[in-house]
Amino acid sequence: MLEYFGWVGGFTLSEMNRKMTVKDNIVAGAWHHGFHIPPTKCENDNGDFVFKRNLAHSISGYGVIALNVANDCSMIKDFTAYKVTETAIMLGGASGINRGKNIKAIDTRYGIGVFSAGGGNAEIINSSVYGELTGNMDCPQGSPCDHCMEARGILLN
């Protein structure tokens, strides 16, 4: 199921893009990621790269992946992902603090993924993880259910 070949996905904005506003978008049905972005610096919430109120669903991979950077504090906020086969967010560069804020993970395999690196801290603030009842209709009788996987709520290192 995880057949990723290079940078594929909905929005890949982490290569050379720095001055952008990305708000109120929906990505659905993409491979690897819905969004791949540079994270926001916590102290500069409305800086050059603004990422707010975006949503990813039915992604074979991650809702949003943050570029690995080394800021005092890096953040992804106000993001929702549902029915993704990995985490709603993947944030884990060598920043002093990696922060997920106001994240909603709905029926995702690994919930919210925020990691520290280089002795830094990982924070998840005002976020929600919602699971699914085992008797759902995602895997009706006779279905091969190759997309139904065990789930977790939050991944921290």
N, C-alpha and C. Protein backbone atom coordinates (compact mmCIF):
# COMPACT_ATOMS: atom_id res chain seq x y z
N MET A 1 0.81 -1.20 0.00
CA MET A 1 0.00 0.00 0.00
C MET A 1 0.85 1.26 0.00
N LEU A 2 2.04 1.23 0.59
CA LEU A 2 2.88 2.42 0.67
C LEU A 2 3.89 2.43 -0.48
N GLU A 3 3.47 2.86 -1.66
CA GLU A 3 4.33 2.89 -2.83
C GLU A 3 4.68 4.33 -3.16
N TYR A 4 5.68 4.88 -2.51
CA TYR A 4 6.06 6.28 -2.72
C TYR A 4 7.27 6.33 -3.63
N PHE A 5 7.21 7.15 -4.64
CA PHE A 5 8.32 7.30 -5.58
C PHE A 5 8.68 8.78 -5.67
N GLY A 6 9.63 9.22 -4.87
CA GLY A 6 10.02 10.63 -4.88
C GLY A 6 9.00 11.49 -4.16
N TRP A 7 9.06 12.79 -4.42
CA TRP A 7 8.15 13.74 -3.77
C TRP A 7 6.84 13.79 -4.52
N VAL A 8 5.92 12.97 -4.10
CA VAL A 8 4.58 13.01 -4.64
C VAL A 8 3.66 13.47 -3.52
N GLY A 9 2.53 13.96 -3.84
CA GLY A 9 1.60 14.40 -2.82
C GLY A 9 0.73 15.52 -3.35
N GLY A 10 -0.09 16.06 -2.47
CA GLY A 10 -1.00 17.13 -2.87
C GLY A 10 -0.27 18.44 -3.10
N PHE A 11 0.26 19.03 -2.02
CA PHE A 11 1.01 20.28 -2.08
C PHE A 11 2.42 20.00 -1.57
N THR A 12 3.43 20.15 -2.39
CA THR A 12 4.82 20.04 -1.94
C THR A 12 5.40 21.44 -2.03
N LEU A 13 5.43 22.12 -0.89
CA LEU A 13 5.78 23.54 -0.84
C LEU A 13 7.05 23.79 -0.04
N SER A 14 7.84 22.77 0.20
CA SER A 14 8.97 22.90 1.10
C SER A 14 10.31 23.05 0.40
N GLU A 15 10.35 22.97 -0.91
CA GLU A 15 11.63 22.98 -1.60
C GLU A 15 12.25 24.38 -1.62
N MET A 16 11.73 25.29 -2.39
CA MET A 16 12.30 26.65 -2.50
C MET A 16 11.28 27.73 -2.17
N ASN A 17 10.10 27.36 -1.76
CA ASN A 17 9.04 28.33 -1.50
C ASN A 17 9.16 28.87 -0.08
N ARG A 18 9.14 30.17 0.08
CA ARG A 18 9.23 30.76 1.41
C ARG A 18 8.16 31.81 1.68
N LYS A 19 7.74 32.55 0.70
CA LYS A 19 6.75 33.61 0.93
C LYS A 19 5.43 33.18 0.32
N MET A 20 4.62 32.53 1.16
CA MET A 20 3.33 32.02 0.69
C MET A 20 2.30 32.08 1.79
N THR A 21 1.05 32.14 1.39
CA THR A 21 -0.07 31.97 2.29
C THR A 21 -0.87 30.78 1.78
N VAL A 22 -1.02 29.78 2.64
CA VAL A 22 -1.72 28.55 2.28
C VAL A 22 -2.79 28.35 3.34
N LYS A 23 -4.05 28.73 3.04
CA LYS A 23 -5.12 28.62 4.02
C LYS A 23 -6.39 28.08 3.37
N ASP A 24 -7.15 27.35 4.20
CA ASP A 24 -8.48 26.88 3.82
C ASP A 24 -8.47 25.98 2.59
N ASN A 25 -7.46 25.11 2.48
CA ASN A 25 -7.38 24.17 1.36
C ASN A 25 -7.72 22.76 1.81
N ILE A 26 -8.16 21.94 0.86
CA ILE A 26 -8.44 20.53 1.10
C ILE A 26 -7.65 19.71 0.09
N VAL A 27 -6.95 18.70 0.58
CA VAL A 27 -6.27 17.73 -0.28
C VAL A 27 -6.87 16.37 0.03
N ALA A 28 -7.24 15.63 -1.02
CA ALA A 28 -7.84 14.31 -0.83
C ALA A 28 -7.28 13.34 -1.86
N GLY A 29 -7.08 12.10 -1.42
CA GLY A 29 -6.71 11.03 -2.33
C GLY A 29 -5.31 11.08 -2.88
N ALA A 30 -4.37 11.71 -2.19
CA ALA A 30 -2.99 11.83 -2.68
C ALA A 30 -2.12 10.72 -2.09
N TRP A 31 -0.96 10.49 -2.72
CA TRP A 31 0.05 9.55 -2.21
C TRP A 31 1.07 10.31 -1.37
N HIS A 32 1.56 9.68 -0.36
CA HIS A 32 2.64 10.11 0.53
C HIS A 32 2.26 11.25 1.46
N HIS A 33 1.77 12.36 0.99
CA HIS A 33 1.40 13.47 1.88
C HIS A 33 0.33 14.35 1.24
N GLY A 34 -0.46 14.97 2.12
CA GLY A 34 -1.37 16.01 1.65
C GLY A 34 -0.61 17.30 1.42
N PHE A 35 0.23 17.66 2.40
CA PHE A 35 1.04 18.88 2.35
C PHE A 35 2.45 18.56 2.83
N HIS A 36 3.45 19.15 2.21
CA HIS A 36 4.83 19.10 2.70
C HIS A 36 5.27 20.56 2.74
N ILE A 37 5.53 21.08 3.95
CA ILE A 37 5.70 22.52 4.13
C ILE A 37 6.85 22.83 5.08
N PRO A 38 7.39 24.05 5.02
CA PRO A 38 8.26 24.50 6.11
C PRO A 38 7.37 24.85 7.31
N PRO A 39 7.75 24.44 8.52
CA PRO A 39 6.91 24.79 9.67
C PRO A 39 7.01 26.28 9.98
N THR A 40 6.01 26.77 10.67
CA THR A 40 5.98 28.16 11.10
C THR A 40 6.92 28.33 12.30
N LYS A 41 7.62 29.46 12.37
CA LYS A 41 8.35 29.79 13.58
C LYS A 41 7.33 30.25 14.61
N CYS A 42 7.39 29.70 15.80
CA CYS A 42 6.37 29.98 16.81
C CYS A 42 6.24 31.47 17.13
N GLU A 43 7.34 32.16 17.19
CA GLU A 43 7.29 33.59 17.55
C GLU A 43 6.86 34.47 16.39
N ASN A 44 6.77 33.91 15.20
CA ASN A 44 6.43 34.68 14.00
C ASN A 44 5.24 34.02 13.33
N ASP A 45 4.13 33.97 14.05
CA ASP A 45 2.95 33.23 13.61
C ASP A 45 2.40 33.68 12.26
N ASN A 46 2.60 34.90 11.89
CA ASN A 46 2.14 35.40 10.60
C ASN A 46 3.32 35.87 9.75
N GLY A 47 4.35 35.05 9.68
CA GLY A 47 5.56 35.39 8.93
C GLY A 47 5.42 35.18 7.44
N ASP A 48 6.52 34.87 6.78
CA ASP A 48 6.54 34.72 5.32
C ASP A 48 5.74 33.53 4.84
N PHE A 49 5.71 32.45 5.60
CA PHE A 49 4.97 31.26 5.20
C PHE A 49 3.83 31.05 6.18
N VAL A 50 2.61 31.27 5.73
CA VAL A 50 1.42 31.15 6.58
C VAL A 50 0.66 29.89 6.16
N PHE A 51 0.43 28.99 7.11
CA PHE A 51 -0.27 27.73 6.86
C PHE A 51 -1.35 27.58 7.91
N LYS A 52 -2.61 27.78 7.52
CA LYS A 52 -3.72 27.77 8.49
C LYS A 52 -4.97 27.12 7.91
N ARG A 53 -5.68 26.42 8.77
CA ARG A 53 -7.01 25.87 8.49
C ARG A 53 -7.04 25.00 7.23
N ASN A 54 -6.02 24.19 7.03
CA ASN A 54 -6.00 23.27 5.90
C ASN A 54 -6.43 21.88 6.37
N LEU A 55 -6.84 21.03 5.42
CA LEU A 55 -7.38 19.73 5.74
C LEU A 55 -6.87 18.70 4.73
N ALA A 56 -6.54 17.52 5.21
CA ALA A 56 -6.15 16.41 4.33
C ALA A 56 -7.00 15.20 4.69
N HIS A 57 -7.51 14.51 3.67
CA HIS A 57 -8.23 13.27 3.96
C HIS A 57 -8.00 12.25 2.86
N SER A 58 -8.14 10.99 3.27
CA SER A 58 -7.96 9.85 2.36
C SER A 58 -6.61 9.90 1.67
N ILE A 59 -5.55 10.10 2.47
CA ILE A 59 -4.18 10.15 1.96
C ILE A 59 -3.50 8.82 2.28
N SER A 60 -2.82 8.24 1.30
CA SER A 60 -2.02 7.06 1.57
C SER A 60 -0.66 7.55 2.04
N GLY A 61 -0.60 7.99 3.28
CA GLY A 61 0.60 8.57 3.85
C GLY A 61 0.23 9.55 4.95
N TYR A 62 0.84 10.72 4.94
CA TYR A 62 0.74 11.71 6.02
C TYR A 62 -0.19 12.86 5.62
N GLY A 63 -0.86 13.45 6.62
CA GLY A 63 -1.65 14.65 6.35
C GLY A 63 -0.75 15.81 5.98
N VAL A 64 0.20 16.14 6.86
CA VAL A 64 1.18 17.20 6.59
C VAL A 64 2.53 16.77 7.16
N ILE A 65 3.57 17.01 6.38
CA ILE A 65 4.95 16.76 6.81
C ILE A 65 5.65 18.10 6.86
N ALA A 66 6.33 18.37 7.98
CA ALA A 66 7.09 19.61 8.11
C ALA A 66 8.54 19.36 7.69
N LEU A 67 9.08 20.29 6.94
CA LEU A 67 10.49 20.27 6.58
C LEU A 67 11.32 20.27 7.86
N ASN A 68 12.38 19.50 7.90
CA ASN A 68 13.27 19.48 9.07
C ASN A 68 14.10 20.75 9.09
N VAL A 69 13.88 21.57 10.10
CA VAL A 69 14.59 22.83 10.26
C VAL A 69 15.07 22.95 11.71
N ALA A 70 15.94 23.89 11.96
CA ALA A 70 16.46 24.13 13.31
C ALA A 70 16.14 25.56 13.73
N ASN A 71 14.91 25.77 14.19
CA ASN A 71 14.48 27.06 14.73
C ASN A 71 14.50 26.98 16.26
N ASP A 72 14.34 28.13 16.92
CA ASP A 72 14.13 28.10 18.37
C ASP A 72 12.86 27.30 18.66
N CYS A 73 11.81 27.54 17.85
CA CYS A 73 10.54 26.84 18.01
C CYS A 73 9.88 26.73 16.64
N SER A 74 9.48 25.53 16.24
CA SER A 74 8.77 25.29 14.98
C SER A 74 7.38 24.75 15.29
N MET A 75 6.39 25.15 14.47
CA MET A 75 5.01 24.80 14.81
C MET A 75 4.19 24.52 13.56
N ILE A 76 3.27 23.57 13.71
CA ILE A 76 2.16 23.38 12.77
C ILE A 76 0.91 23.57 13.60
N LYS A 77 -0.03 24.38 13.09
CA LYS A 77 -1.24 24.63 13.87
C LYS A 77 -2.47 24.68 12.98
N ASP A 78 -3.62 24.54 13.62
CA ASP A 78 -4.92 24.67 12.95
C ASP A 78 -5.01 23.77 11.73
N PHE A 79 -4.78 22.47 11.93
CA PHE A 79 -4.78 21.52 10.83
C PHE A 79 -5.63 20.30 11.20
N THR A 80 -6.35 19.76 10.22
CA THR A 80 -7.17 18.57 10.41
C THR A 80 -6.81 17.53 9.37
N ALA A 81 -6.71 16.28 9.82
CA ALA A 81 -6.51 15.17 8.89
C ALA A 81 -7.41 14.02 9.30
N TYR A 82 -8.02 13.38 8.31
CA TYR A 82 -8.78 12.17 8.61
C TYR A 82 -8.60 11.14 7.51
N LYS A 83 -8.65 9.89 7.95
CA LYS A 83 -8.45 8.75 7.07
C LYS A 83 -7.14 8.85 6.32
N VAL A 84 -6.05 9.12 7.05
CA VAL A 84 -4.71 9.03 6.46
C VAL A 84 -4.03 7.80 7.04
N THR A 85 -3.17 7.15 6.24
CA THR A 85 -2.60 5.87 6.67
C THR A 85 -1.37 6.02 7.56
N GLU A 86 -0.91 7.22 7.81
CA GLU A 86 0.21 7.45 8.72
C GLU A 86 -0.25 8.47 9.78
N THR A 87 0.52 9.54 10.04
CA THR A 87 0.13 10.52 11.05
C THR A 87 -0.57 11.72 10.43
N ALA A 88 -1.37 12.41 11.24
CA ALA A 88 -2.00 13.65 10.79
C ALA A 88 -0.93 14.70 10.48
N ILE A 89 0.04 14.87 11.42
CA ILE A 89 1.19 15.73 11.18
C ILE A 89 2.46 14.96 11.51
N MET A 90 3.53 15.28 10.81
CA MET A 90 4.85 14.73 11.12
C MET A 90 5.78 15.93 11.26
N LEU A 91 6.19 16.21 12.49
CA LEU A 91 7.02 17.36 12.82
C LEU A 91 8.15 16.87 13.71
N GLY A 92 9.40 17.06 13.28
CA GLY A 92 10.48 16.51 14.09
C GLY A 92 11.87 16.99 13.75
N GLY A 93 12.03 18.19 13.25
CA GLY A 93 13.36 18.71 12.97
C GLY A 93 14.10 19.08 14.24
N ALA A 94 15.30 19.60 14.07
CA ALA A 94 16.20 19.89 15.20
C ALA A 94 15.92 21.24 15.85
N SER A 95 14.66 21.64 15.94
CA SER A 95 14.31 22.89 16.63
C SER A 95 14.34 22.68 18.14
N GLY A 96 14.51 23.78 18.88
CA GLY A 96 14.48 23.69 20.34
C GLY A 96 13.15 23.17 20.84
N ILE A 97 12.06 23.58 20.19
CA ILE A 97 10.71 23.09 20.49
C ILE A 97 10.05 22.76 19.15
N ASN A 98 9.44 21.60 19.06
CA ASN A 98 8.55 21.25 17.95
C ASN A 98 7.16 21.17 18.53
N ARG A 99 6.24 21.98 17.98
CA ARG A 99 4.92 22.15 18.59
C ARG A 99 3.81 21.90 17.57
N GLY A 100 2.86 21.06 17.96
CA GLY A 100 1.61 20.91 17.23
C GLY A 100 0.53 21.57 18.05
N LYS A 101 -0.25 22.45 17.44
CA LYS A 101 -1.26 23.21 18.19
C LYS A 101 -2.57 23.20 17.40
N ASN A 102 -3.66 22.90 18.10
CA ASN A 102 -4.99 22.85 17.47
C ASN A 102 -5.01 21.88 16.29
N ILE A 103 -4.50 20.68 16.52
CA ILE A 103 -4.48 19.64 15.50
C ILE A 103 -5.63 18.68 15.77
N LYS A 104 -6.31 18.26 14.71
CA LYS A 104 -7.34 17.25 14.82
C LYS A 104 -6.94 16.06 13.96
N ALA A 105 -6.81 14.90 14.59
CA ALA A 105 -6.51 13.65 13.89
C ALA A 105 -7.72 12.74 14.04
N ILE A 106 -8.36 12.43 12.92
CA ILE A 106 -9.60 11.65 12.93
C ILE A 106 -9.38 10.38 12.12
N ASP A 107 -9.46 9.25 12.78
CA ASP A 107 -9.32 7.96 12.12
C ASP A 107 -8.02 7.89 11.31
N THR A 108 -6.92 8.26 11.96
CA THR A 108 -5.60 8.15 11.34
C THR A 108 -4.86 6.98 11.97
N ARG A 109 -3.89 6.43 11.26
CA ARG A 109 -3.20 5.25 11.78
C ARG A 109 -2.40 5.57 13.03
N TYR A 110 -1.64 6.67 13.02
CA TYR A 110 -0.77 7.00 14.14
C TYR A 110 -1.11 8.31 14.83
N GLY A 111 -2.24 8.90 14.58
CA GLY A 111 -2.64 10.11 15.28
C GLY A 111 -1.76 11.30 14.95
N ILE A 112 -1.18 11.91 15.98
CA ILE A 112 -0.36 13.12 15.83
C ILE A 112 1.09 12.73 16.10
N GLY A 113 2.00 13.09 15.21
CA GLY A 113 3.42 12.78 15.37
C GLY A 113 4.26 14.02 15.54
N VAL A 114 4.70 14.27 16.76
CA VAL A 114 5.59 15.39 17.05
C VAL A 114 6.80 14.82 17.79
N PHE A 115 7.98 15.09 17.28
CA PHE A 115 9.21 14.52 17.83
C PHE A 115 10.20 15.62 18.16
N SER A 116 11.02 15.36 19.16
CA SER A 116 12.11 16.28 19.48
C SER A 116 13.38 15.74 18.84
N ALA A 117 14.33 16.61 18.66
CA ALA A 117 15.63 16.20 18.11
C ALA A 117 16.71 17.08 18.72
N GLY A 118 17.91 16.56 18.85
CA GLY A 118 19.02 17.36 19.35
C GLY A 118 18.80 17.90 20.75
N GLY A 119 18.09 17.18 21.60
CA GLY A 119 17.86 17.64 22.96
C GLY A 119 16.72 18.62 23.11
N GLY A 120 15.94 18.84 22.06
CA GLY A 120 14.82 19.78 22.13
C GLY A 120 13.59 19.16 22.78
N ASN A 121 12.49 19.88 22.75
CA ASN A 121 11.23 19.45 23.35
C ASN A 121 10.16 19.25 22.28
N ALA A 122 9.23 18.34 22.56
CA ALA A 122 8.06 18.11 21.72
C ALA A 122 6.83 18.54 22.51
N GLU A 123 5.93 19.29 21.88
CA GLU A 123 4.72 19.76 22.54
C GLU A 123 3.51 19.53 21.65
N ILE A 124 2.41 19.11 22.25
CA ILE A 124 1.12 19.04 21.56
C ILE A 124 0.14 19.80 22.44
N ILE A 125 -0.48 20.84 21.87
CA ILE A 125 -1.32 21.76 22.64
C ILE A 125 -2.71 21.85 22.02
N ASN A 126 -3.75 21.77 22.86
CA ASN A 126 -5.15 21.93 22.43
C ASN A 126 -5.48 21.13 21.18
N SER A 127 -5.10 19.87 21.16
CA SER A 127 -5.32 19.02 20.00
C SER A 127 -6.22 17.85 20.37
N SER A 128 -6.80 17.22 19.35
CA SER A 128 -7.75 16.12 19.57
C SER A 128 -7.43 14.96 18.65
N VAL A 129 -7.61 13.75 19.19
CA VAL A 129 -7.47 12.53 18.40
C VAL A 129 -8.78 11.76 18.54
N TYR A 130 -9.38 11.41 17.41
CA TYR A 130 -10.64 10.68 17.41
C TYR A 130 -10.43 9.35 16.71
N GLY A 131 -10.89 8.28 17.34
CA GLY A 131 -10.79 6.95 16.76
C GLY A 131 -12.08 6.58 16.08
N GLU A 132 -12.17 5.30 15.77
CA GLU A 132 -13.32 4.81 15.04
C GLU A 132 -13.82 3.54 15.71
N LEU A 133 -15.07 3.30 15.68
CA LEU A 133 -15.63 2.08 16.24
C LEU A 133 -15.20 0.89 15.39
N THR A 134 -14.97 -0.24 16.04
CA THR A 134 -14.52 -1.41 15.30
C THR A 134 -15.58 -1.96 14.36
N GLY A 135 -16.83 -1.68 14.60
CA GLY A 135 -17.90 -2.18 13.74
C GLY A 135 -18.22 -1.26 12.58
N ASN A 136 -17.25 -0.45 12.12
CA ASN A 136 -17.53 0.50 11.05
C ASN A 136 -17.73 -0.21 9.72
N MET A 137 -18.11 0.52 8.72
CA MET A 137 -18.35 -0.07 7.41
C MET A 137 -17.19 0.15 6.44
N ASP A 138 -16.00 0.52 6.94
CA ASP A 138 -14.83 0.63 6.07
C ASP A 138 -14.43 -0.73 5.54
N CYS A 139 -14.70 -1.76 6.31
CA CYS A 139 -14.33 -3.13 5.92
C CYS A 139 -15.57 -4.01 5.94
N PRO A 140 -16.47 -3.81 4.98
CA PRO A 140 -17.68 -4.63 4.97
C PRO A 140 -17.36 -6.09 4.69
N GLN A 141 -18.27 -6.95 5.02
CA GLN A 141 -18.08 -8.38 4.84
C GLN A 141 -17.72 -8.67 3.38
N GLY A 142 -16.67 -9.47 3.19
CA GLY A 142 -16.21 -9.82 1.85
C GLY A 142 -15.13 -8.89 1.31
N SER A 143 -14.86 -7.78 2.00
CA SER A 143 -13.81 -6.85 1.58
C SER A 143 -12.45 -7.41 1.99
N PRO A 144 -11.40 -7.21 1.16
CA PRO A 144 -10.08 -7.68 1.58
C PRO A 144 -9.50 -6.87 2.74
N CYS A 145 -10.04 -5.69 3.02
CA CYS A 145 -9.62 -4.84 4.13
C CYS A 145 -8.11 -4.61 4.15
N ASP A 146 -7.51 -4.41 3.01
CA ASP A 146 -6.07 -4.16 2.96
C ASP A 146 -5.72 -2.75 3.42
N HIS A 147 -6.70 -1.94 3.67
CA HIS A 147 -6.48 -0.57 4.12
C HIS A 147 -6.81 -0.37 5.60
N CYS A 148 -7.26 -1.40 6.27
CA CYS A 148 -7.61 -1.30 7.69
C CYS A 148 -6.40 -1.69 8.53
N MET A 149 -5.89 -0.77 9.33
CA MET A 149 -4.67 -1.00 10.09
C MET A 149 -4.90 -0.68 11.55
N GLU A 150 -4.07 -1.24 12.41
CA GLU A 150 -4.12 -0.89 13.82
C GLU A 150 -3.81 0.59 13.97
N ALA A 151 -4.38 1.23 14.97
CA ALA A 151 -4.21 2.68 15.14
C ALA A 151 -3.58 3.02 16.48
N ARG A 152 -2.98 4.19 16.54
CA ARG A 152 -2.41 4.78 17.76
C ARG A 152 -2.98 6.19 17.88
N GLY A 153 -2.85 6.80 19.06
CA GLY A 153 -3.35 8.15 19.25
C GLY A 153 -2.32 9.22 19.02
N ILE A 154 -1.16 9.09 19.66
CA ILE A 154 -0.10 10.11 19.57
C ILE A 154 1.23 9.39 19.49
N LEU A 155 2.12 9.89 18.64
CA LEU A 155 3.49 9.37 18.57
C LEU A 155 4.43 10.44 19.10
N LEU A 156 5.16 10.10 20.14
CA LEU A 156 6.21 10.97 20.68
C LEU A 156 7.47 10.12 20.82
N ASN A 157 8.63 10.74 20.72
CA ASN A 157 9.85 9.96 20.92
C ASN A 157 10.20 9.88 22.38
